[in-house]
Amino acid sequence: NTAQLKARGVTRRLNVAAEAVGRLPQGDGIPTTDVPMEDIFDDDRAGDAIATWVGQFREVLALLRAWRDEGAVVNINCQMGKNRSGCAALAWLCSECEWTVEDAVGHLRRITALACANPHLVRAVTELLHVDAEVPLNPAGDGGGWVCISPP
């Protein structure tokens, strides 16, 4: 919602969903930049995806740093607002604000419980940052298993 973004002072939009490229409003006064990432949960494809994501998160951080330096307020979005955008925010909090991965994931999950639910994306961030981290999957409400809601 462009009006809501503008009311919050947003001056830039960063889309990290491959499937949303070209689908966001154009000419609304909030320029959109795309870093088209896939949200892959498949263990068999994770290795290649992680290598790609590390490079994409580098690009995300370079954009966010440049926009910070120009005083921008940035909206980061993906398809559902939890995995790719959450991990982009995770990379920022850890690299620029010196948060630990665990603390940053906890913070993001307090905002939206399903944030950073893709363990492969989280691993890409830890590889980018050259850190080891223990990030549990989102526990189910009854304390067992884990919860992740994402389109197929």
C-alpha atoms as a PDB file:
ATOM      1  CA  ASN A   1       0.000   0.000   0.000  1.00  0.00           C
ATOM      2  CA  THR A   2       1.856   3.041  -1.286  1.00  0.00           C
ATOM      3  CA  ALA A   3      -0.095   5.494   0.899  1.00  0.00           C
ATOM      4  CA  GLN A   4       0.856   3.565   4.060  1.00  0.00           C
ATOM      5  CA  LEU A   5       4.503   3.375   3.011  1.00  0.00           C
ATOM      6  CA  LYS A   6       4.618   7.111   2.292  1.00  0.00           C
ATOM      7  CA  ALA A   7       2.896   7.859   5.615  1.00  0.00           C
ATOM      8  CA  ARG A   8       5.758   5.980   7.317  1.00  0.00           C
ATOM      9  CA  GLY A   9       8.341   7.987   5.399  1.00  0.00           C
ATOM     10  CA  VAL A  10       9.441   5.169   3.081  1.00  0.00           C
ATOM     11  CA  THR A  11      11.502   6.502   0.190  1.00  0.00           C
ATOM     12  CA  ARG A  12      12.823   3.254  -1.336  1.00  0.00           C
ATOM     13  CA  ARG A  13      11.417  -0.224  -1.898  1.00  0.00           C
ATOM     14  CA  LEU A  14      13.664  -3.306  -2.044  1.00  0.00           C
ATOM     15  CA  ASN A  15      11.943  -6.366  -3.486  1.00  0.00           C
ATOM     16  CA  VAL A  16      13.728  -9.662  -2.802  1.00  0.00           C
ATOM     17  CA  ALA A  17      11.062 -11.975  -4.284  1.00  0.00           C
ATOM     18  CA  ALA A  18      11.846 -13.321  -7.741  1.00  0.00           C
ATOM     19  CA  GLU A  19       8.149 -13.884  -8.397  1.00  0.00           C
ATOM     20  CA  ALA A  20       7.278 -10.247  -7.587  1.00  0.00           C
ATOM     21  CA  VAL A  21       9.674  -8.620 -10.062  1.00  0.00           C
ATOM     22  CA  GLY A  22       7.670  -6.125 -12.118  1.00  0.00           C
ATOM     23  CA  ARG A  23       4.512  -6.668 -10.084  1.00  0.00           C
ATOM     24  CA  LEU A  24       4.923  -3.805  -7.596  1.00  0.00           C
ATOM     25  CA  PRO A  25       3.549  -0.318  -8.264  1.00  0.00           C
ATOM     26  CA  GLN A  26       5.606   1.733 -10.697  1.00  0.00           C
ATOM     27  CA  GLY A  27       5.612   5.519 -10.791  1.00  0.00           C
ATOM     28  CA  ASP A  28       4.158   5.836  -7.297  1.00  0.00           C
ATOM     29  CA  GLY A  29       7.031   7.973  -6.026  1.00  0.00           C
ATOM     30  CA  ILE A  30       8.765   5.073  -4.279  1.00  0.00           C
ATOM     31  CA  PRO A  31      11.415   3.593  -6.565  1.00  0.00           C
ATOM     32  CA  THR A  32      11.672  -0.198  -6.483  1.00  0.00           C
ATOM     33  CA  THR A  33      14.921  -2.131  -6.829  1.00  0.00           C
ATOM     34  CA  ASP A  34      14.790  -5.886  -7.322  1.00  0.00           C
ATOM     35  CA  VAL A  35      17.222  -8.486  -6.022  1.00  0.00           C
ATOM     36  CA  PRO A  36      15.243 -11.512  -7.275  1.00  0.00           C
ATOM     37  CA  MET A  37      15.697 -14.336  -4.785  1.00  0.00           C
ATOM     38  CA  GLU A  38      13.946 -17.699  -4.765  1.00  0.00           C
ATOM     39  CA  ASP A  39      12.608 -19.189  -1.523  1.00  0.00           C
ATOM     40  CA  ILE A  40      13.870 -22.781  -1.704  1.00  0.00           C
ATOM     41  CA  PHE A  41      13.307 -25.313   1.081  1.00  0.00           C
ATOM     42  CA  ASP A  42      14.378 -28.398  -0.889  1.00  0.00           C
ATOM     43  CA  ASP A  43      17.486 -29.901   0.743  1.00  0.00           C
ATOM     44  CA  ASP A  44      18.635 -31.255  -2.631  1.00  0.00           C
ATOM     45  CA  ARG A  45      18.745 -27.740  -4.126  1.00  0.00           C
ATOM     46  CA  ALA A  46      19.911 -25.900  -1.011  1.00  0.00           C
ATOM     47  CA  GLY A  47      23.661 -26.010  -1.694  1.00  0.00           C
ATOM     48  CA  ASP A  48      23.419 -24.171  -5.010  1.00  0.00           C
ATOM     49  CA  ALA A  49      20.789 -21.817  -3.622  1.00  0.00           C
ATOM     50  CA  ILE A  50      22.922 -20.884  -0.601  1.00  0.00           C
ATOM     51  CA  ALA A  51      25.850 -19.949  -2.831  1.00  0.00           C
ATOM     52  CA  THR A  52      23.552 -17.755  -4.931  1.00  0.00           C
ATOM     53  CA  TRP A  53      21.915 -16.177  -1.887  1.00  0.00           C
ATOM     54  CA  VAL A  54      25.247 -15.215  -0.317  1.00  0.00           C
ATOM     55  CA  GLY A  55      25.977 -13.108  -3.403  1.00  0.00           C
ATOM     56  CA  GLN A  56      22.476 -11.677  -3.387  1.00  0.00           C
ATOM     57  CA  PHE A  57      22.716 -10.736   0.298  1.00  0.00           C
ATOM     58  CA  ARG A  58      26.002  -8.953  -0.509  1.00  0.00           C
ATOM     59  CA  GLU A  59      24.099  -6.981  -3.137  1.00  0.00           C
ATOM     60  CA  VAL A  60      21.293  -6.255  -0.638  1.00  0.00           C
ATOM     61  CA  LEU A  61      23.779  -4.934   1.922  1.00  0.00           C
ATOM     62  CA  ALA A  62      25.525  -2.750  -0.663  1.00  0.00           C
ATOM     63  CA  LEU A  63      22.177  -1.226  -1.688  1.00  0.00           C
ATOM     64  CA  LEU A  64      21.063  -0.686   1.909  1.00  0.00           C
ATOM     65  CA  ARG A  65      24.383   0.962   2.821  1.00  0.00           C
ATOM     66  CA  ALA A  66      24.176   3.320  -0.147  1.00  0.00           C
ATOM     67  CA  TRP A  67      20.575   4.194   0.659  1.00  0.00           C
ATOM     68  CA  ARG A  68      21.402   4.713   4.333  1.00  0.00           C
ATOM     69  CA  ASP A  69      24.106   7.156   3.277  1.00  0.00           C
ATOM     70  CA  GLU A  70      21.556   9.129   1.243  1.00  0.00           C
ATOM     71  CA  GLY A  71      19.100   9.138   4.166  1.00  0.00           C
ATOM     72  CA  ALA A  72      16.557   6.763   2.648  1.00  0.00           C
ATOM     73  CA  VAL A  73      13.876   4.890   4.564  1.00  0.00           C
ATOM     74  CA  VAL A  74      13.589   1.430   2.993  1.00  0.00           C
ATOM     75  CA  ASN A  75      10.751  -1.071   2.797  1.00  0.00           C
ATOM     76  CA  ILE A  76      12.091  -4.598   2.200  1.00  0.00           C
ATOM     77  CA  ASN A  77       9.530  -7.009   0.816  1.00  0.00           C
ATOM     78  CA  CYS A  78       9.176 -10.524  -0.520  1.00  0.00           C
ATOM     79  CA  GLN A  79       6.096 -12.595  -1.290  1.00  0.00           C
ATOM     80  CA  MET A  80       5.026 -13.303   2.301  1.00  0.00           C
ATOM     81  CA  GLY A  81       7.264 -10.967   4.303  1.00  0.00           C
ATOM     82  CA  LYS A  82       9.064 -13.537   6.416  1.00  0.00           C
ATOM     83  CA  ASN A  83      11.895 -15.513   4.808  1.00  0.00           C
ATOM     84  CA  ARG A  84      13.737 -13.552   2.135  1.00  0.00           C
ATOM     85  CA  SER A  85      12.878 -10.108   3.470  1.00  0.00           C
ATOM     86  CA  GLY A  86      13.406 -11.363   7.022  1.00  0.00           C
ATOM     87  CA  CYS A  87      16.852 -12.687   6.152  1.00  0.00           C
ATOM     88  CA  ALA A  88      17.717  -9.431   4.360  1.00  0.00           C
ATOM     89  CA  ALA A  89      16.831  -7.605   7.596  1.00  0.00           C
ATOM     90  CA  LEU A  90      18.776 -10.249   9.542  1.00  0.00           C
ATOM     91  CA  ALA A  91      21.884  -9.616   7.429  1.00  0.00           C
ATOM     92  CA  TRP A  92      21.539  -5.863   8.061  1.00  0.00           C
ATOM     93  CA  LEU A  93      21.021  -6.161  11.818  1.00  0.00           C
ATOM     94  CA  CYS A  94      24.061  -8.426  12.163  1.00  0.00           C
ATOM     95  CA  SER A  95      26.446  -6.675   9.779  1.00  0.00           C
ATOM     96  CA  GLU A  96      25.548  -3.048  10.445  1.00  0.00           C
ATOM     97  CA  CYS A  97      24.084  -3.048  13.961  1.00  0.00           C
ATOM     98  CA  GLU A  98      26.363  -5.738  15.429  1.00  0.00           C
ATOM     99  CA  TRP A  99      23.542  -7.988  16.625  1.00  0.00           C
ATOM    100  CA  THR A 100      24.161 -11.699  17.014  1.00  0.00           C
ATOM    101  CA  VAL A 101      22.268 -13.889  14.581  1.00  0.00           C
ATOM    102  CA  GLU A 102      20.352 -15.493  17.431  1.00  0.00           C
ATOM    103  CA  ASP A 103      19.306 -12.147  18.946  1.00  0.00           C
ATOM    104  CA  ALA A 104      18.334 -10.706  15.551  1.00  0.00           C
ATOM    105  CA  VAL A 105      16.231 -13.766  14.636  1.00  0.00           C
ATOM    106  CA  GLY A 106      14.543 -13.586  18.051  1.00  0.00           C
ATOM    107  CA  HIS A 107      13.763  -9.905  17.490  1.00  0.00           C
ATOM    108  CA  LEU A 108      12.353 -10.530  14.010  1.00  0.00           C
ATOM    109  CA  ARG A 109      10.241 -13.446  15.281  1.00  0.00           C
ATOM    110  CA  ARG A 110       8.765 -11.207  17.962  1.00  0.00           C
ATOM    111  CA  ILE A 111       7.609  -8.951  15.115  1.00  0.00           C
ATOM    112  CA  THR A 112       6.298 -11.824  12.981  1.00  0.00           C
ATOM    113  CA  ALA A 113       6.426 -15.326  14.432  1.00  0.00           C
ATOM    114  CA  LEU A 114       7.334 -17.018  11.150  1.00  0.00           C
ATOM    115  CA  ALA A 115      10.317 -14.783  10.335  1.00  0.00           C
ATOM    116  CA  CYS A 116      13.486 -16.478   9.123  1.00  0.00           C
ATOM    117  CA  ALA A 117      11.774 -19.881   8.936  1.00  0.00           C
ATOM    118  CA  ASN A 118      13.821 -21.104   5.981  1.00  0.00           C
ATOM    119  CA  PRO A 119      16.947 -22.658   7.524  1.00  0.00           C
ATOM    120  CA  HIS A 120      18.788 -22.548   4.200  1.00  0.00           C
ATOM    121  CA  LEU A 121      18.323 -18.774   3.888  1.00  0.00           C
ATOM    122  CA  VAL A 122      19.499 -18.327   7.480  1.00  0.00           C
ATOM    123  CA  ARG A 123      22.550 -20.432   6.654  1.00  0.00           C
ATOM    124  CA  ALA A 124      23.287 -18.176   3.669  1.00  0.00           C
ATOM    125  CA  VAL A 125      23.300 -15.190   6.035  1.00  0.00           C
ATOM    126  CA  THR A 126      25.639 -16.945   8.492  1.00  0.00           C
ATOM    127  CA  GLU A 127      27.970 -17.844   5.610  1.00  0.00           C
ATOM    128  CA  LEU A 128      27.885 -14.242   4.403  1.00  0.00           C
ATOM    129  CA  LEU A 129      28.779 -13.034   7.896  1.00  0.00           C
ATOM    130  CA  HIS A 130      31.325 -15.832   8.524  1.00  0.00           C
ATOM    131  CA  VAL A 131      29.689 -16.752  11.835  1.00  0.00           C
ATOM    132  CA  ASP A 132      28.395 -19.898  13.458  1.00  0.00           C
ATOM    133  CA  ALA A 133      24.904 -19.631  14.878  1.00  0.00           C
ATOM    134  CA  GLU A 134      22.319 -21.905  16.439  1.00  0.00           C
ATOM    135  CA  VAL A 135      18.951 -20.789  15.130  1.00  0.00           C
ATOM    136  CA  PRO A 136      16.103 -23.130  16.022  1.00  0.00           C
ATOM    137  CA  LEU A 137      13.293 -23.683  13.582  1.00  0.00           C
ATOM    138  CA  ASN A 138      10.031 -22.067  14.572  1.00  0.00           C
ATOM    139  CA  PRO A 139       8.576 -24.333  17.235  1.00  0.00           C
ATOM    140  CA  ALA A 140       4.965 -25.388  16.915  1.00  0.00           C
ATOM    141  CA  GLY A 141       2.525 -23.923  19.424  1.00  0.00           C
ATOM    142  CA  ASP A 142       2.541 -27.118  21.454  1.00  0.00           C
ATOM    143  CA  GLY A 143       6.351 -27.062  21.694  1.00  0.00           C
ATOM    144  CA  GLY A 144       6.848 -29.950  19.296  1.00  0.00           C
ATOM    145  CA  GLY A 145       7.873 -30.039  15.664  1.00  0.00           C
ATOM    146  CA  TRP A 146       8.246 -26.871  13.700  1.00  0.00           C
ATOM    147  CA  VAL A 147       6.011 -24.569  11.762  1.00  0.00           C
ATOM    148  CA  CYS A 148       6.617 -23.056   8.369  1.00  0.00           C
ATOM    149  CA  ILE A 149       3.928 -21.703   6.094  1.00  0.00           C
ATOM    150  CA  SER A 150       5.132 -20.957   2.586  1.00  0.00           C
ATOM    151  CA  PRO A 151       3.700 -21.400  -0.874  1.00  0.00           C
ATOM    152  CA  PRO A 152       4.908 -24.501  -2.710  1.00  0.00           C
END
